[in-house]
Amino acid sequence: MSTLSTSIAGVILAAGMSRRLGSPKAEYIYEGERLIDRAVRLFQAAGVSEIYVITGSWNGEVQHAQKIFNSNFEEGISSSLQVAFTNIKVEKLCVTLVDLIGISATAIERLVKCQEDLAIAHFDDHSQPPLLVHQRFFEEFREQLRGDVGLRQILKDHQDVAKIYVGDIATDQDLDTLG
């Protein structure tokens, strides 16, 4: 896999407190691999070489990625997105959650190569991360983000979002739906 020529960074949100699981999702072993290592590997396999992990409640070791600590992690996922939009200086960010066990490198690759400025992975009947965000949206989204909802409502109301179908190469399964 060749590295992408456009300035795209991968962002893995891993700051959450994982109350339902009772331990950090990033450290969870799935199919013999920590979820954080899996997420980094998927970005690498998709050709994304600049990778960031937003940490918070969990701030463990990560290889092949840069960590950015979110000191406001208790405020929810929106605070991690704000950290990414503020601190990472690239043309586009491809953002995923650490516990998306159904996503594949080919799905990430399809998203980052889609030529859209604002896009989200789409399955048969719904859309969910990963998502691709051009820097022209960073300030707008930082101002709108609140609480533990992330970009869900913002993207729902946004006219420019492209839905990139990945249901043929990935699933929408996350750690919370496992089993």
Foldseek 3Di string as FASTA:
>chain_A
DAADPAFEEEEEEQAAPPVVVNDGQQQDADPRRRLLQVVLVLCVLLRHQAYEYEHHNDDDDDPSYHYDYQPVCVQADLSSLLCCLPPDDGQKYFYDYSFQPFDGSVQSNCQVPVPAQWEFEDADPGTDDRIMHGNVCSVVSNVVGGGHPHCVVVVVPDPRYYYDYDNVPTDRDGPVPDD
